Structures are given as structure tokens and as C-alpha cells.
Amino acid sequence: MKYISPKDKNSVVVVCGSGVANIGDLMSGYAFCFGTPQGKNVILRQGTEAASTYYFHPVGGREYLMEIQKVGGKLRWFVDGAQLLEYEDSQPLQPGFLGFGSKWATKVRYGDVELWGEKR
């Protein structure tokens, strides 16, 4: 997925969202927060921090190539081909909605999104 970082860099991608509260509920699944206001990148599991790093600092207005993988309970997040974070969930969430958005009222652009499912 191509991702254009907003000028202030904050955005969220949600995987396995339940959509129970509403389709826009960013905390219903796994949320991948890219460049939070605190300066870190975070994987949330239903709103609770599961993994984070301050290692990578997104630059506003720059295009990034993101890849998010979920196989069973293993989640891996890549930015421009380099692994940013990994998280192993002992009780993985079931498949659900995929969502894109901004929790911090920023403008974000996504493009060339590809979605691949696991073989069952």
C-alpha cells in the first residue's frame, strides 16, 4: 500500500476491526499508528499498546510503502521494505473489517492498496 504522510505525520491503519460499535471504531481490532503525536509508531490490540518503537520518524508529506502481514497471531509491519514492528498475539483476533483513517484529525492519502487472505 502506498501511503502519503500528512504534514503532521499521524495516521492509523486498522486490521481485523470488529465494526461492532461502528465501522469507524479504530480500536476494535489491531491498529497500526504511524507517527503518533508522542513521536512513536505503535501496534494497538483493541486500544491497548502491544508493541511500539521510537526508532522510525515519519516525515510529513513523504510517500511511504507500507506492508502489514497477519498470519495466525503473528503481525509484522514493514515500511519501505524494512520491518518496523512485530507482535505475536497468543489470542489472535478473528478476521473482520479493514479500515484507514486518522485519529488525530489529519489529512492522509492511501493508494495502490492490495489485500491478500490466508489460505485455509
Protein backbone atom coordinates (compact mmCIF):
# COMPACT_ATOMS: atom_id res chain seq x y z
CA MET A 1 0.00 0.00 0.00
CA LYS A 2 1.32 3.42 -0.83
CA TYR A 3 0.86 5.94 1.92
CA ILE A 4 1.35 9.71 1.72
CA SER A 5 2.21 11.03 5.14
CA PRO A 6 0.29 14.15 6.14
CA LYS A 7 2.25 17.25 7.09
CA ASP A 8 1.95 16.40 10.78
CA LYS A 9 2.58 12.67 10.14
CA ASN A 10 -0.18 11.00 12.20
CA SER A 11 -2.39 8.21 10.82
CA VAL A 12 -3.92 4.83 11.62
CA VAL A 13 -4.49 1.61 9.67
CA VAL A 14 -6.88 -0.92 11.28
CA VAL A 15 -6.78 -4.67 10.61
CA CYS A 16 -9.39 -7.15 11.96
CA GLY A 17 -11.67 -4.40 13.20
CA SER A 18 -14.92 -5.74 14.61
CA GLY A 19 -17.13 -2.93 13.39
CA VAL A 20 -19.37 -3.70 16.36
CA ALA A 21 -19.50 -0.17 17.83
CA ASN A 22 -19.37 1.38 14.36
CA ILE A 23 -17.32 0.86 11.23
CA GLY A 24 -15.16 3.85 12.16
CA ASP A 25 -14.11 2.33 15.50
CA LEU A 26 -10.31 2.45 15.27
CA MET A 27 -9.86 0.50 18.49
CA SER A 28 -11.93 -2.60 17.66
CA GLY A 29 -9.07 -4.59 16.11
CA TYR A 30 -5.36 -4.16 15.57
CA ALA A 31 -4.43 -0.54 14.88
CA PHE A 32 -1.12 0.44 13.30
CA CYS A 33 -0.40 4.04 14.35
CA PHE A 34 2.24 5.68 12.21
CA GLY A 35 3.92 8.69 13.83
CA THR A 36 1.80 9.44 16.91
CA PRO A 37 1.85 12.93 18.47
CA GLN A 38 4.27 11.44 21.05
CA GLY A 39 6.68 10.55 18.24
CA LYS A 40 6.33 6.78 18.24
CA ASN A 41 4.91 4.08 15.99
CA VAL A 42 2.52 1.68 17.71
CA ILE A 43 0.58 -1.53 17.21
CA LEU A 44 -2.56 -1.48 19.35
CA ARG A 45 -4.68 -4.52 20.14
CA GLN A 46 -8.24 -3.33 20.84
CA GLY A 47 -6.92 0.02 22.07
CA THR A 48 -4.08 -1.34 24.24
CA GLU A 49 -0.46 -0.89 23.20
CA ALA A 50 1.01 -4.24 22.12
CA ALA A 51 4.28 -3.09 20.53
CA SER A 52 5.94 0.26 19.86
CA THR A 53 9.12 1.94 18.72
CA TYR A 54 10.58 5.43 18.55
CA TYR A 55 13.13 4.12 16.03
CA PHE A 56 11.49 5.47 12.85
CA HIS A 57 10.29 9.06 12.49
CA PRO A 58 7.95 9.68 9.52
CA VAL A 59 8.47 12.86 7.54
CA GLY A 60 5.32 14.84 6.73
CA GLY A 61 4.36 14.94 3.05
CA ARG A 62 6.61 11.99 2.06
CA GLU A 63 5.33 8.84 0.35
CA TYR A 64 5.91 5.52 2.14
CA LEU A 65 5.35 1.94 1.03
CA MET A 66 3.70 0.05 3.90
CA GLU A 67 3.11 -3.67 4.24
CA ILE A 68 1.15 -5.22 7.09
CA GLN A 69 1.12 -9.00 7.47
CA LYS A 70 -1.09 -11.07 9.75
CA VAL A 71 -0.61 -14.82 9.75
CA GLY A 72 -2.34 -16.52 12.66
CA GLY A 73 -1.34 -14.45 15.69
CA LYS A 74 1.83 -13.01 14.16
CA LEU A 75 1.67 -9.42 12.95
CA ARG A 76 4.54 -7.80 11.07
CA TRP A 77 4.68 -4.18 9.88
CA PHE A 78 7.09 -3.04 7.19
CA VAL A 79 7.80 0.49 5.95
CA ASP A 80 9.75 0.90 2.71
CA GLY A 81 10.78 -2.78 2.87
CA ALA A 82 12.25 -2.66 6.39
CA GLN A 83 10.48 -4.27 9.34
CA LEU A 84 9.27 -1.61 11.75
CA LEU A 85 7.44 -3.73 14.35
CA GLU A 86 6.43 -7.31 15.09
CA TYR A 87 3.87 -8.63 17.57
CA GLU A 88 2.83 -12.19 18.44
CA ASP A 89 -0.72 -12.39 19.81
CA SER A 90 -1.39 -15.51 21.90
CA GLN A 91 -5.15 -15.00 21.38
CA PRO A 92 -5.37 -13.59 17.83
CA LEU A 93 -8.42 -11.59 16.80
CA GLN A 94 -10.69 -13.05 14.16
CA PRO A 95 -10.84 -11.59 10.64
CA GLY A 96 -13.04 -8.53 10.30
CA PHE A 97 -13.01 -5.09 8.72
CA LEU A 98 -10.03 -3.29 7.21
CA GLY A 99 -10.02 0.46 7.76
CA PHE A 100 -7.92 3.54 7.14
CA GLY A 101 -8.12 6.84 8.91
CA SER A 102 -6.63 9.43 11.15
CA LYS A 103 -7.21 9.53 14.86
CA TRP A 104 -5.68 12.99 15.12
CA ALA A 105 -7.81 14.89 12.54
CA THR A 106 -5.16 14.94 9.81
CA LYS A 107 -5.48 14.52 6.05
CA VAL A 108 -3.96 11.27 4.78
CA ARG A 109 -3.85 9.69 1.31
CA TYR A 110 -3.63 5.96 0.59
CA GLY A 111 -3.19 4.33 -2.80
CA ASP A 112 -2.37 1.03 -4.52
CA VAL A 113 -3.94 -0.97 -1.68
CA GLU A 114 -3.75 -4.75 -2.10
CA LEU A 115 -5.46 -7.20 0.25
CA TRP A 116 -4.48 -10.86 0.39
CA GLY A 117 -6.16 -13.50 2.54
CA GLU A 118 -4.66 -16.54 4.21
CA LYS A 119 -5.14 -19.93 2.59
CA ARG A 120 -7.48 -22.08 4.63
